[in-house]
Structures are given as structure tokens and as C-alpha cells.
Amino acid sequence: QTRAGVGVKVGSGSASAGEMSSSEPSTPAQTPLAAPVIPSPVGALPSPGAPPIPGPSK
């Protein structure tokens, strides 16, 4: 009977891990999204430099 109880506990833990696993992938997914967002701001910095280029073009 004790063994069965332990088995049930292990099963519960497994289910918990599965739920946590789902949450974990969600967090990493957000990190990659944030990375692309950072490059965006970086591109904006060079943007201000672009105005000078159009000046000479004129």
C-alpha cells in the first residue's frame, strides 16, 4: 500500500512537471520575442543618422 501511495505521489509530481513545463516554454518564447524587439530600437538609433543621408541626396 505504501508503494502505491508513493506511485500516486510520483504521478502527481509528473503532472505538475508537465504543467510547469508548459509555463517554462511560454517564458522562453517571450525572451526570443524581446530579443527582436531590442534590435528594433537599435535600428531606430541609426534611423536618426538616415536624415543626414537624405540631405546630401537633395
PDB file of N, CA and C in Angstrom:
ATOM      1  N   GLN A   1       0.862  -1.206   0.000  1.00  0.00           N
ATOM      2  CA  GLN A   1       0.000   0.000   0.000  1.00  0.00           C
ATOM      3  C   GLN A   1       0.895   1.253   0.000  1.00  0.00           C
ATOM      4  N   THR A   2       1.922   1.201   0.793  1.00  0.00           N
ATOM      5  CA  THR A   2       2.813   2.383   0.836  1.00  0.00           C
ATOM      6  C   THR A   2       3.377   2.652  -0.559  1.00  0.00           C
ATOM      7  N   ARG A   3       3.778   1.581  -1.216  1.00  0.00           N
ATOM      8  CA  ARG A   3       4.377   1.754  -2.569  1.00  0.00           C
ATOM      9  C   ARG A   3       3.340   2.441  -3.475  1.00  0.00           C
ATOM     10  N   ALA A   4       2.105   2.002  -3.386  1.00  0.00           N
ATOM     11  CA  ALA A   4       1.058   2.590  -4.242  1.00  0.00           C
ATOM     12  C   ALA A   4       0.981   4.089  -3.933  1.00  0.00           C
ATOM     13  N   GLY A   5       1.014   4.437  -2.655  1.00  0.00           N
ATOM     14  CA  GLY A   5       0.925   5.861  -2.277  1.00  0.00           C
ATOM     15  C   GLY A   5       2.076   6.621  -2.923  1.00  0.00           C
ATOM     16  N   VAL A   6       3.259   6.066  -2.828  1.00  0.00           N
ATOM     17  CA  VAL A   6       4.424   6.763  -3.422  1.00  0.00           C
ATOM     18  C   VAL A   6       4.198   6.916  -4.925  1.00  0.00           C
ATOM     19  N   GLY A   7       3.710   5.853  -5.552  1.00  0.00           N
ATOM     20  CA  GLY A   7       3.467   5.902  -7.007  1.00  0.00           C
ATOM     21  C   GLY A   7       2.508   7.046  -7.318  1.00  0.00           C
ATOM     22  N   VAL A   8       1.467   7.147  -6.536  1.00  0.00           N
ATOM     23  CA  VAL A   8       0.481   8.222  -6.793  1.00  0.00           C
ATOM     24  C   VAL A   8       1.185   9.571  -6.650  1.00  0.00           C
ATOM     25  N   LYS A   9       2.006   9.687  -5.628  1.00  0.00           N
ATOM     26  CA  LYS A   9       2.708  10.973  -5.415  1.00  0.00           C
ATOM     27  C   LYS A   9       3.587  11.268  -6.637  1.00  0.00           C
ATOM     28  N   VAL A  10       4.284  10.261  -7.084  1.00  0.00           N
ATOM     29  CA  VAL A  10       5.180  10.463  -8.253  1.00  0.00           C
ATOM     30  C   VAL A  10       4.336  10.916  -9.446  1.00  0.00           C
ATOM     31  N   GLY A  11       3.201  10.232  -9.639  1.00  0.00           N
ATOM     32  CA  GLY A  11       2.319  10.595 -10.764  1.00  0.00           C
ATOM     33  C   GLY A  11       1.932  12.067 -10.622  1.00  0.00           C
ATOM     34  N   SER A  12       1.551  12.456  -9.428  1.00  0.00           N
ATOM     35  CA  SER A  12       1.123  13.849  -9.221  1.00  0.00           C
ATOM     36  C   SER A  12       2.275  14.775  -9.612  1.00  0.00           C
ATOM     37  N   GLY A  13       3.465  14.423  -9.144  1.00  0.00           N
ATOM     38  CA  GLY A  13       4.633  15.263  -9.450  1.00  0.00           C
ATOM     39  C   GLY A  13       4.818  15.341 -10.958  1.00  0.00           C
ATOM     40  N   SER A  14       4.652  14.226 -11.625  1.00  0.00           N
ATOM     41  CA  SER A  14       4.830  14.203 -13.096  1.00  0.00           C
ATOM     42  C   SER A  14       3.848  15.206 -13.717  1.00  0.00           C
ATOM     43  N   ALA A  15       2.605  15.154 -13.287  1.00  0.00           N
ATOM     44  CA  ALA A  15       1.580  16.050 -13.850  1.00  0.00           C
ATOM     45  C   ALA A  15       2.016  17.491 -13.563  1.00  0.00           C
ATOM     46  N   SER A  16       2.485  17.735 -12.365  1.00  0.00           N
ATOM     47  CA  SER A  16       2.902  19.103 -12.006  1.00  0.00           C
ATOM     48  C   SER A  16       4.034  19.536 -12.937  1.00  0.00           C
ATOM     49  N   ALA A  17       4.987  18.637 -13.140  1.00  0.00           N
ATOM     50  CA  ALA A  17       6.137  18.974 -14.006  1.00  0.00           C
ATOM     51  C   ALA A  17       5.610  19.323 -15.393  1.00  0.00           C
ATOM     52  N   GLY A  18       4.656  18.555 -15.874  1.00  0.00           N
ATOM     53  CA  GLY A  18       4.094  18.825 -17.213  1.00  0.00           C
ATOM     54  C   GLY A  18       3.517  20.234 -17.235  1.00  0.00           C
ATOM     55  N   GLU A  19       2.777  20.584 -16.231  1.00  0.00           N
ATOM     56  CA  GLU A  19       2.173  21.936 -16.209  1.00  0.00           C
ATOM     57  C   GLU A  19       3.287  22.992 -16.182  1.00  0.00           C
ATOM     58  N   MET A  20       4.267  22.752 -15.331  1.00  0.00           N
ATOM     59  CA  MET A  20       5.375  23.714 -15.217  1.00  0.00           C
ATOM     60  C   MET A  20       6.104  23.797 -16.573  1.00  0.00           C
ATOM     61  N   SER A  21       6.274  22.642 -17.188  1.00  0.00           N
ATOM     62  CA  SER A  21       6.988  22.599 -18.488  1.00  0.00           C
ATOM     63  C   SER A  21       6.269  23.547 -19.459  1.00  0.00           C
ATOM     64  N   SER A  22       4.952  23.477 -19.471  1.00  0.00           N
ATOM     65  CA  SER A  22       4.175  24.330 -20.397  1.00  0.00           C
ATOM     66  C   SER A  22       4.483  25.798 -20.080  1.00  0.00           C
ATOM     67  N   SER A  23       4.515  26.125 -18.815  1.00  0.00           N
ATOM     68  CA  SER A  23       4.766  27.523 -18.420  1.00  0.00           C
ATOM     69  C   SER A  23       6.188  27.910 -18.833  1.00  0.00           C
ATOM     70  N   GLU A  24       7.118  26.984 -18.647  1.00  0.00           N
ATOM     71  CA  GLU A  24       8.525  27.307 -18.967  1.00  0.00           C
ATOM     72  C   GLU A  24       8.672  27.680 -20.453  1.00  0.00           C
ATOM     73  N   PRO A  25       8.199  26.842 -21.355  1.00  0.00           N
ATOM     74  CA  PRO A  25       8.299  27.151 -22.793  1.00  0.00           C
ATOM     75  C   PRO A  25       7.693  28.528 -23.081  1.00  0.00           C
ATOM     76  N   SER A  26       6.646  28.863 -22.393  1.00  0.00           N
ATOM     77  CA  SER A  26       5.985  30.165 -22.634  1.00  0.00           C
ATOM     78  C   SER A  26       6.979  31.288 -22.306  1.00  0.00           C
ATOM     79  N   THR A  27       7.674  31.155 -21.186  1.00  0.00           N
ATOM     80  CA  THR A  27       8.627  32.217 -20.790  1.00  0.00           C
ATOM     81  C   THR A  27       9.737  32.354 -21.828  1.00  0.00           C
ATOM     82  N   PRO A  28      10.378  31.252 -22.207  1.00  0.00           N
ATOM     83  CA  PRO A  28      11.456  31.321 -23.217  1.00  0.00           C
ATOM     84  C   PRO A  28      10.931  31.945 -24.513  1.00  0.00           C
ATOM     85  N   ALA A  29       9.717  31.629 -24.861  1.00  0.00           N
ATOM     86  CA  ALA A  29       9.146  32.182 -26.110  1.00  0.00           C
ATOM     87  C   ALA A  29       9.144  33.707 -25.994  1.00  0.00           C
ATOM     88  N   GLN A  30       8.813  34.214 -24.825  1.00  0.00           N
ATOM     89  CA  GLN A  30       8.768  35.679 -24.662  1.00  0.00           C
ATOM     90  C   GLN A  30      10.183  36.248 -24.805  1.00  0.00           C
ATOM     91  N   THR A  31      11.167  35.534 -24.296  1.00  0.00           N
ATOM     92  CA  THR A  31      12.558  36.046 -24.365  1.00  0.00           C
ATOM     93  C   THR A  31      12.963  36.275 -25.822  1.00  0.00           C
ATOM     94  N   PRO A  32      12.772  35.295 -26.689  1.00  0.00           N
ATOM     95  CA  PRO A  32      13.128  35.466 -28.112  1.00  0.00           C
ATOM     96  C   PRO A  32      12.390  36.674 -28.706  1.00  0.00           C
ATOM     97  N   LEU A  33      11.143  36.840 -28.324  1.00  0.00           N
ATOM     98  CA  LEU A  33      10.357  37.971 -28.869  1.00  0.00           C
ATOM     99  C   LEU A  33      11.020  39.275 -28.419  1.00  0.00           C
ATOM    100  N   ALA A  34      11.458  39.294 -27.176  1.00  0.00           N
ATOM    101  CA  ALA A  34      12.068  40.522 -26.638  1.00  0.00           C
ATOM    102  C   ALA A  34      13.362  40.799 -27.412  1.00  0.00           C
ATOM    103  N   ALA A  35      14.097  39.764 -27.761  1.00  0.00           N
ATOM    104  CA  ALA A  35      15.377  39.960 -28.480  1.00  0.00           C
ATOM    105  C   ALA A  35      15.111  40.740 -29.774  1.00  0.00           C
ATOM    106  N   PRO A  36      14.171  40.291 -30.602  1.00  0.00           N
ATOM    107  CA  PRO A  36      13.861  41.019 -31.839  1.00  0.00           C
ATOM    108  C   PRO A  36      13.433  42.458 -31.528  1.00  0.00           C
ATOM    109  N   VAL A  37      12.763  42.642 -30.425  1.00  0.00           N
ATOM    110  CA  VAL A  37      12.288  44.000 -30.074  1.00  0.00           C
ATOM    111  C   VAL A  37      13.501  44.895 -29.804  1.00  0.00           C
ATOM    112  N   ILE A  38      14.524  44.343 -29.161  1.00  0.00           N
ATOM    113  CA  ILE A  38      15.731  45.147 -28.840  1.00  0.00           C
ATOM    114  C   ILE A  38      16.386  45.623 -30.149  1.00  0.00           C
ATOM    115  N   PRO A  39      16.563  44.724 -31.114  1.00  0.00           N
ATOM    116  CA  PRO A  39      17.158  45.126 -32.405  1.00  0.00           C
ATOM    117  C   PRO A  39      16.352  46.270 -33.029  1.00  0.00           C
ATOM    118  N   SER A  40      15.051  46.257 -32.839  1.00  0.00           N
ATOM    119  CA  SER A  40      14.197  47.317 -33.427  1.00  0.00           C
ATOM    120  C   SER A  40      14.683  48.685 -32.934  1.00  0.00           C
ATOM    121  N   PRO A  41      14.801  48.857 -31.621  1.00  0.00           N
ATOM    122  CA  PRO A  41      15.256  50.146 -31.058  1.00  0.00           C
ATOM    123  C   PRO A  41      16.637  50.473 -31.609  1.00  0.00           C
ATOM    124  N   VAL A  42      17.477  49.474 -31.744  1.00  0.00           N
ATOM    125  CA  VAL A  42      18.845  49.724 -32.265  1.00  0.00           C
ATOM    126  C   VAL A  42      18.725  50.310 -33.672  1.00  0.00           C
ATOM    127  N   GLY A  43      17.837  49.731 -34.459  1.00  0.00           N
ATOM    128  CA  GLY A  43      17.648  50.226 -35.834  1.00  0.00           C
ATOM    129  C   GLY A  43      17.139  51.674 -35.775  1.00  0.00           C
ATOM    130  N   ALA A  44      16.342  51.990 -34.781  1.00  0.00           N
ATOM    131  CA  ALA A  44      15.791  53.348 -34.672  1.00  0.00           C
ATOM    132  C   ALA A  44      16.960  54.326 -34.466  1.00  0.00           C
ATOM    133  N   LEU A  45      17.966  53.930 -33.714  1.00  0.00           N
ATOM    134  CA  LEU A  45      19.109  54.838 -33.466  1.00  0.00           C
ATOM    135  C   LEU A  45      19.753  55.209 -34.811  1.00  0.00           C
ATOM    136  N   PRO A  46      20.066  54.231 -35.645  1.00  0.00           N
ATOM    137  CA  PRO A  46      20.652  54.523 -36.970  1.00  0.00           C
ATOM    138  C   PRO A  46      19.671  55.358 -37.799  1.00  0.00           C
ATOM    139  N   SER A  47      18.388  55.214 -37.531  1.00  0.00           N
ATOM    140  CA  SER A  47      17.365  55.966 -38.302  1.00  0.00           C
ATOM    141  C   SER A  47      17.704  57.467 -38.256  1.00  0.00           C
ATOM    142  N   PRO A  48      17.970  58.002 -37.075  1.00  0.00           N
ATOM    143  CA  PRO A  48      18.284  59.445 -36.943  1.00  0.00           C
ATOM    144  C   PRO A  48      19.452  59.798 -37.863  1.00  0.00           C
ATOM    145  N   GLY A  49      20.383  58.872 -38.035  1.00  0.00           N
ATOM    146  CA  GLY A  49      21.542  59.133 -38.912  1.00  0.00           C
ATOM    147  C   GLY A  49      21.076  59.159 -40.366  1.00  0.00           C
ATOM    148  N   ALA A  50      19.970  58.493 -40.665  1.00  0.00           N
ATOM    149  CA  ALA A  50      19.483  58.432 -42.063  1.00  0.00           C
ATOM    150  C   ALA A  50      19.136  59.844 -42.558  1.00  0.00           C
ATOM    151  N   PRO A  51      18.524  60.695 -41.749  1.00  0.00           N
ATOM    152  CA  PRO A  51      18.144  62.052 -42.193  1.00  0.00           C
ATOM    153  C   PRO A  51      19.319  62.758 -42.860  1.00  0.00           C
ATOM    154  N   PRO A  52      20.504  62.704 -42.298  1.00  0.00           N
ATOM    155  CA  PRO A  52      21.684  63.373 -42.905  1.00  0.00           C
ATOM    156  C   PRO A  52      21.916  62.826 -44.314  1.00  0.00           C
ATOM    157  N   ILE A  53      21.692  61.524 -44.510  1.00  0.00           N
ATOM    158  CA  ILE A  53      21.941  60.928 -45.850  1.00  0.00           C
ATOM    159  C   ILE A  53      21.000  61.594 -46.883  1.00  0.00           C
ATOM    160  N   PRO A  54      19.697  61.687 -46.565  1.00  0.00           N
ATOM    161  CA  PRO A  54      18.740  62.312 -47.496  1.00  0.00           C
ATOM    162  C   PRO A  54      19.152  63.759 -47.771  1.00  0.00           C
ATOM    163  N   GLY A  55      19.746  64.429 -46.811  1.00  0.00           N
ATOM    164  CA  GLY A  55      20.163  65.825 -47.005  1.00  0.00           C
ATOM    165  C   GLY A  55      21.067  65.917 -48.230  1.00  0.00           C
ATOM    166  N   PRO A  56      22.174  65.172 -48.237  1.00  0.00           N
ATOM    167  CA  PRO A  56      23.125  65.217 -49.378  1.00  0.00           C
ATOM    168  C   PRO A  56      22.408  64.799 -50.660  1.00  0.00           C
ATOM    169  N   SER A  57      21.468  63.864 -50.532  1.00  0.00           N
ATOM    170  CA  SER A  57      20.733  63.385 -51.729  1.00  0.00           C
ATOM    171  C   SER A  57      20.076  64.588 -52.405  1.00  0.00           C
ATOM    172  N   LYS A  58      19.522  65.473 -51.588  1.00  0.00           N
ATOM    173  CA  LYS A  58      18.835  66.667 -52.136  1.00  0.00           C
ATOM    174  C   LYS A  58      19.863  67.473 -52.939  1.00  0.00           C
TER     175      LYS A  58
END
